[in-house]
């Protein structure tokens, strides 16, 4: 009788620990957690860079910070959806833009 109780308890413990991690192994979850932390860092650095950047009137291109932030959010959402899926089949994610250079419109000549 005690062995059956021990087996049931062991099975319960295994089910409890594995129920939240069926999408990824513990090592993989750790790695994705690091990725999410790095995305937070990249987002903070990009925000800081955007606040200190100055748009020169004769620059032909400038960096597209809003598009970078959208892509970071898309990556973050994809990682979070993988770690805690809401349904059995993964959805088809949208493509990242990846082009962060904006053409600066030419400055109008003042009379």
N, C-alpha and C. Protein backbone atom coordinates (compact mmCIF):
# COMPACT_ATOMS: atom_id res chain seq x y z
N UNK A 1 0.81 -1.20 0.00
CA UNK A 1 0.00 0.00 0.00
C UNK A 1 0.86 1.27 0.00
N UNK A 2 1.93 1.37 0.84
CA UNK A 2 2.75 2.57 0.82
C UNK A 2 3.42 2.79 -0.54
N UNK A 3 3.78 1.74 -1.25
CA UNK A 3 4.42 1.94 -2.55
C UNK A 3 3.46 2.54 -3.57
N UNK A 4 2.20 2.18 -3.52
CA UNK A 4 1.22 2.76 -4.43
C UNK A 4 1.06 4.24 -4.11
N UNK A 5 1.00 4.57 -2.82
CA UNK A 5 0.88 5.96 -2.42
C UNK A 5 2.10 6.77 -2.89
N UNK A 6 3.30 6.21 -2.74
CA UNK A 6 4.52 6.88 -3.19
C UNK A 6 4.52 7.07 -4.69
N UNK A 7 4.06 6.07 -5.42
CA UNK A 7 4.00 6.19 -6.88
C UNK A 7 3.01 7.27 -7.31
N UNK A 8 1.87 7.32 -6.65
CA UNK A 8 0.87 8.34 -6.98
C UNK A 8 1.41 9.72 -6.66
N UNK A 9 2.05 9.85 -5.51
CA UNK A 9 2.64 11.15 -5.14
C UNK A 9 3.73 11.56 -6.13
N UNK A 10 4.56 10.61 -6.52
CA UNK A 10 5.62 10.91 -7.50
C UNK A 10 5.02 11.34 -8.83
N UNK A 11 3.99 10.64 -9.26
CA UNK A 11 3.33 10.99 -10.51
C UNK A 11 2.71 12.37 -10.43
N UNK A 12 2.08 12.68 -9.30
CA UNK A 12 1.48 13.99 -9.11
C UNK A 12 2.53 15.09 -9.16
N UNK A 13 3.65 14.87 -8.52
CA UNK A 13 4.74 15.87 -8.54
C UNK A 13 5.26 16.07 -9.95
N UNK A 14 5.45 15.00 -10.69
CA UNK A 14 5.93 15.13 -12.08
C UNK A 14 4.93 15.88 -12.94
N UNK A 15 3.66 15.58 -12.79
CA UNK A 15 2.63 16.27 -13.57
C UNK A 15 2.59 17.74 -13.21
N UNK A 16 2.70 18.04 -11.93
CA UNK A 16 2.67 19.43 -11.48
C UNK A 16 3.83 20.23 -12.04
N UNK A 17 5.03 19.68 -11.99
CA UNK A 17 6.20 20.41 -12.47
C UNK A 17 6.24 20.50 -13.99
N UNK A 18 5.71 19.53 -14.69
CA UNK A 18 5.78 19.52 -16.14
C UNK A 18 4.57 20.15 -16.81
N UNK A 19 3.52 20.46 -16.08
CA UNK A 19 2.31 20.97 -16.72
C UNK A 19 2.52 22.34 -17.34
N UNK A 20 3.33 23.20 -16.73
CA UNK A 20 3.55 24.52 -17.27
C UNK A 20 4.68 24.59 -18.27
N UNK A 21 5.42 23.53 -18.45
CA UNK A 21 6.59 23.59 -19.32
C UNK A 21 6.51 22.61 -20.47
N UNK A 22 5.33 22.32 -20.95
CA UNK A 22 5.23 21.36 -22.03
C UNK A 22 5.70 21.93 -23.35
N UNK A 23 5.77 23.23 -23.47
CA UNK A 23 6.18 23.84 -24.73
C UNK A 23 7.69 23.86 -24.89
N UNK A 24 8.43 23.88 -23.81
CA UNK A 24 9.88 23.99 -23.91
C UNK A 24 10.53 23.32 -22.70
N UNK A 25 11.74 22.83 -22.91
CA UNK A 25 12.48 22.23 -21.80
C UNK A 25 12.93 23.34 -20.86
N UNK A 26 13.39 22.96 -19.69
CA UNK A 26 13.83 23.94 -18.70
C UNK A 26 15.00 24.76 -19.23
N UNK A 27 15.94 24.09 -19.90
CA UNK A 27 17.09 24.81 -20.47
C UNK A 27 16.62 25.80 -21.54
N UNK A 28 15.70 25.34 -22.37
CA UNK A 28 15.20 26.22 -23.43
C UNK A 28 14.43 27.40 -22.84
N UNK A 29 13.66 27.16 -21.79
CA UNK A 29 12.96 28.26 -21.13
C UNK A 29 13.94 29.27 -20.55
N UNK A 30 15.04 28.78 -19.98
CA UNK A 30 16.07 29.69 -19.46
C UNK A 30 16.67 30.54 -20.58
N UNK A 31 16.93 29.91 -21.71
CA UNK A 31 17.50 30.63 -22.85
C UNK A 31 16.52 31.69 -23.38
N UNK A 32 15.26 31.32 -23.47
CA UNK A 32 14.26 32.29 -23.94
C UNK A 32 14.05 33.41 -22.93
N UNK A 33 14.20 33.11 -21.65
CA UNK A 33 14.13 34.14 -20.64
C UNK A 33 15.26 35.15 -20.83
N UNK A 34 16.44 34.65 -21.14
CA UNK A 34 17.57 35.54 -21.43
C UNK A 34 17.31 36.38 -22.68
N UNK A 35 16.71 35.76 -23.68
CA UNK A 35 16.38 36.50 -24.91
C UNK A 35 15.42 37.64 -24.59
N UNK A 36 14.41 37.37 -23.77
CA UNK A 36 13.45 38.42 -23.41
C UNK A 36 14.14 39.54 -22.63
N UNK A 37 15.08 39.20 -21.75
CA UNK A 37 15.83 40.23 -21.02
C UNK A 37 16.67 41.06 -21.98
N UNK A 38 17.28 40.40 -22.97
CA UNK A 38 18.09 41.12 -23.95
C UNK A 38 17.23 42.01 -24.83
N UNK A 39 16.03 41.57 -25.17
CA UNK A 39 15.12 42.41 -25.93
C UNK A 39 14.74 43.66 -25.13
N UNK A 40 14.54 43.50 -23.82
CA UNK A 40 14.27 44.66 -22.97
C UNK A 40 15.44 45.64 -23.00
N UNK A 41 16.66 45.10 -22.93
CA UNK A 41 17.85 45.94 -22.97
C UNK A 41 17.97 46.67 -24.30
N UNK A 42 17.75 45.95 -25.39
CA UNK A 42 17.81 46.56 -26.73
C UNK A 42 16.77 47.66 -26.85
N UNK A 43 15.58 47.40 -26.33
CA UNK A 43 14.51 48.39 -26.40
C UNK A 43 14.88 49.65 -25.63
N UNK A 44 15.46 49.48 -24.43
CA UNK A 44 15.89 50.64 -23.64
C UNK A 44 16.99 51.42 -24.35
N UNK A 45 17.96 50.69 -24.94
CA UNK A 45 19.05 51.37 -25.66
C UNK A 45 18.52 52.12 -26.88
N UNK A 46 17.58 51.53 -27.59
CA UNK A 46 17.01 52.19 -28.76
C UNK A 46 16.23 53.44 -28.35
N UNK A 47 15.50 53.36 -27.25
CA UNK A 47 14.76 54.52 -26.76
C UNK A 47 15.72 55.63 -26.37
N UNK A 48 16.80 55.26 -25.69
CA UNK A 48 17.80 56.25 -25.30
C UNK A 48 18.45 56.88 -26.54
N UNK A 49 18.78 56.04 -27.52
CA UNK A 49 19.40 56.56 -28.75
C UNK A 49 18.45 57.49 -29.49
N UNK A 50 17.17 57.15 -29.48
CA UNK A 50 16.19 57.99 -30.17
C UNK A 50 16.05 59.35 -29.50
N UNK A 51 16.11 59.38 -28.16
CA UNK A 51 15.96 60.65 -27.46
C UNK A 51 17.17 61.57 -27.65
N UNK A 52 18.36 61.00 -27.85
CA UNK A 52 19.54 61.85 -28.01
C UNK A 52 19.87 62.13 -29.48
N UNK A 53 19.18 61.44 -30.39
CA UNK A 53 19.48 61.67 -31.80
C UNK A 53 18.92 63.01 -32.24
N UNK A 54 19.67 63.64 -33.10
CA UNK A 54 19.23 64.92 -33.66
C UNK A 54 19.17 64.77 -35.17
N UNK A 55 18.06 65.15 -35.73
CA UNK A 55 17.90 65.06 -37.17
C UNK A 55 18.53 66.28 -37.81
N UNK A 56 19.59 66.05 -38.53
CA UNK A 56 20.26 67.13 -39.25
C UNK A 56 19.47 67.42 -40.53
N UNK A 57 19.33 68.68 -40.87
CA UNK A 57 18.52 69.01 -42.06
C UNK A 57 19.10 68.49 -43.37
N UNK A 58 20.41 68.30 -43.46
CA UNK A 58 21.01 67.84 -44.71
C UNK A 58 21.33 66.35 -44.69
N UNK A 59 20.82 65.58 -43.72
CA UNK A 59 20.99 64.14 -43.71
C UNK A 59 20.02 63.51 -44.69
N UNK A 60 20.53 62.56 -45.45
CA UNK A 60 19.68 61.91 -46.44
C UNK A 60 18.85 60.80 -45.81
N UNK A 61 19.41 60.12 -44.81
CA UNK A 61 18.71 59.02 -44.16
C UNK A 61 18.70 59.22 -42.66
N UNK A 62 17.73 58.60 -42.02
CA UNK A 62 17.69 58.56 -40.57
C UNK A 62 17.20 57.18 -40.15
N UNK A 63 17.43 56.83 -38.91
CA UNK A 63 17.06 55.50 -38.41
C UNK A 63 15.57 55.47 -38.07
N UNK A 64 14.90 54.38 -38.43
CA UNK A 64 13.47 54.22 -38.19
C UNK A 64 13.25 53.53 -36.84
N UNK A 65 13.28 54.31 -35.78
CA UNK A 65 13.12 53.76 -34.43
C UNK A 65 11.74 53.14 -34.20
N UNK A 66 10.65 53.74 -34.67
CA UNK A 66 9.35 53.10 -34.47
C UNK A 66 9.26 51.71 -35.11
N UNK A 67 9.86 51.54 -36.29
CA UNK A 67 9.83 50.21 -36.92
C UNK A 67 10.66 49.20 -36.13
N UNK A 68 11.80 49.63 -35.59
CA UNK A 68 12.60 48.76 -34.75
C UNK A 68 11.81 48.32 -33.53
N UNK A 69 11.10 49.26 -32.89
CA UNK A 69 10.30 48.91 -31.71
C UNK A 69 9.18 47.94 -32.07
N UNK A 70 8.56 48.11 -33.22
CA UNK A 70 7.51 47.18 -33.65
C UNK A 70 8.09 45.78 -33.85
N UNK A 71 9.26 45.68 -34.47
CA UNK A 71 9.89 44.37 -34.68
C UNK A 71 10.30 43.73 -33.36
N UNK A 72 10.80 44.52 -32.43
CA UNK A 72 11.15 43.98 -31.11
C UNK A 72 9.90 43.43 -30.44
N UNK A 73 8.79 44.16 -30.51
CA UNK A 73 7.55 43.69 -29.92
C UNK A 73 7.06 42.41 -30.58
N UNK A 74 7.23 42.32 -31.89
CA UNK A 74 6.81 41.11 -32.62
C UNK A 74 7.65 39.90 -32.19
N UNK A 75 8.95 40.10 -32.03
CA UNK A 75 9.83 39.02 -31.58
C UNK A 75 9.46 38.62 -30.15
N UNK A 76 9.27 39.61 -29.28
CA UNK A 76 8.91 39.33 -27.89
C UNK A 76 7.61 38.54 -27.81
N UNK A 77 6.62 38.95 -28.59
CA UNK A 77 5.33 38.25 -28.58
C UNK A 77 5.47 36.82 -29.09
N UNK A 78 6.31 36.62 -30.10
CA UNK A 78 6.54 35.27 -30.61
C UNK A 78 7.18 34.36 -29.59
N UNK A 79 8.15 34.87 -28.84
CA UNK A 79 8.81 34.08 -27.80
C UNK A 79 7.81 33.76 -26.69
N UNK A 80 7.04 34.76 -26.27
CA UNK A 80 6.07 34.54 -25.20
C UNK A 80 4.97 33.56 -25.64
N UNK A 81 4.55 33.65 -26.90
CA UNK A 81 3.55 32.71 -27.40
C UNK A 81 4.09 31.29 -27.45
N UNK A 82 5.38 31.15 -27.74
CA UNK A 82 5.98 29.82 -27.76
C UNK A 82 6.07 29.24 -26.35
N UNK A 83 6.47 30.08 -25.39
CA UNK A 83 6.64 29.60 -24.03
C UNK A 83 5.31 29.26 -23.35
N UNK A 84 4.27 29.97 -23.70
CA UNK A 84 2.95 29.66 -23.12
C UNK A 84 1.91 29.72 -24.24
N UNK A 85 1.85 28.66 -25.03
CA UNK A 85 0.94 28.67 -26.18
C UNK A 85 -0.52 28.69 -25.73
N UNK A 86 -1.33 29.40 -26.51
CA UNK A 86 -2.76 29.47 -26.20
C UNK A 86 -3.54 28.40 -26.95
N UNK A 87 -2.92 27.75 -27.91
CA UNK A 87 -3.58 26.69 -28.66
C UNK A 87 -2.53 25.68 -29.12
N UNK A 88 -2.99 24.59 -29.67
CA UNK A 88 -2.09 23.49 -30.01
C UNK A 88 -1.14 23.83 -31.16
N UNK A 89 -1.62 24.46 -32.20
CA UNK A 89 -0.81 24.75 -33.38
C UNK A 89 -0.29 26.18 -33.34
N UNK A 90 0.99 26.37 -33.65
CA UNK A 90 1.50 27.75 -33.68
C UNK A 90 0.90 28.51 -34.86
N UNK A 91 0.70 29.77 -34.64
CA UNK A 91 0.15 30.60 -35.71
C UNK A 91 1.26 31.06 -36.63
N UNK A 92 0.89 31.52 -37.79
CA UNK A 92 1.86 32.00 -38.76
C UNK A 92 2.21 33.44 -38.43
N UNK A 93 3.41 33.71 -37.91
CA UNK A 93 3.76 35.08 -37.54
C UNK A 93 4.01 35.94 -38.77
N UNK A 94 3.82 37.24 -38.60
CA UNK A 94 4.12 38.17 -39.67
C UNK A 94 5.62 38.32 -39.85
N UNK A 95 6.00 38.83 -40.99
CA UNK A 95 7.43 39.00 -41.28
C UNK A 95 7.96 40.25 -40.60
N UNK A 96 9.23 40.20 -40.22
CA UNK A 96 9.90 41.38 -39.71
C UNK A 96 10.28 42.26 -40.88
N UNK A 97 10.26 43.54 -40.67
CA UNK A 97 10.63 44.46 -41.74
C UNK A 97 12.13 44.44 -41.94
N UNK A 98 12.88 44.69 -40.88
CA UNK A 98 14.32 44.61 -40.93
C UNK A 98 15.02 45.77 -41.61
N UNK A 99 14.30 46.67 -42.24
CA UNK A 99 14.90 47.82 -42.90
C UNK A 99 14.59 49.04 -42.04
N UNK A 100 15.61 49.60 -41.42
CA UNK A 100 15.39 50.68 -40.47
C UNK A 100 15.95 52.02 -40.96
N UNK A 101 16.13 52.14 -42.23
CA UNK A 101 16.65 53.39 -42.78
C UNK A 101 15.50 54.13 -43.45
N UNK A 102 15.26 55.36 -43.02
CA UNK A 102 14.21 56.19 -43.60
C UNK A 102 14.85 57.26 -44.46
N UNK A 103 14.26 57.52 -45.60
CA UNK A 103 14.70 58.64 -46.41
C UNK A 103 14.18 59.92 -45.77
N UNK A 104 15.06 60.86 -45.60
CA UNK A 104 14.66 62.16 -45.07
C UNK A 104 14.21 63.03 -46.23
N UNK A 105 13.00 63.59 -46.14
CA UNK A 105 12.56 64.44 -47.25
C UNK A 105 13.46 65.67 -47.36
N UNK A 106 13.73 66.10 -48.59
CA UNK A 106 14.60 67.25 -48.75
C UNK A 106 14.00 68.49 -48.10
N UNK A 107 14.84 69.28 -47.49
CA UNK A 107 14.38 70.51 -46.84
C UNK A 107 13.96 71.51 -47.90
N UNK A 108 12.84 72.15 -47.64
CA UNK A 108 12.35 73.15 -48.59
C UNK A 108 13.22 74.40 -48.51
N UNK A 109 13.50 74.95 -49.65
CA UNK A 109 14.32 76.17 -49.66
C UNK A 109 13.50 77.35 -49.22
N UNK A 110 14.05 78.14 -48.35
CA UNK A 110 13.36 79.32 -47.86
C UNK A 110 13.68 80.49 -48.79
N UNK A 111 12.67 81.31 -49.11
CA UNK A 111 12.93 82.45 -50.02
C UNK A 111 13.75 83.54 -49.41
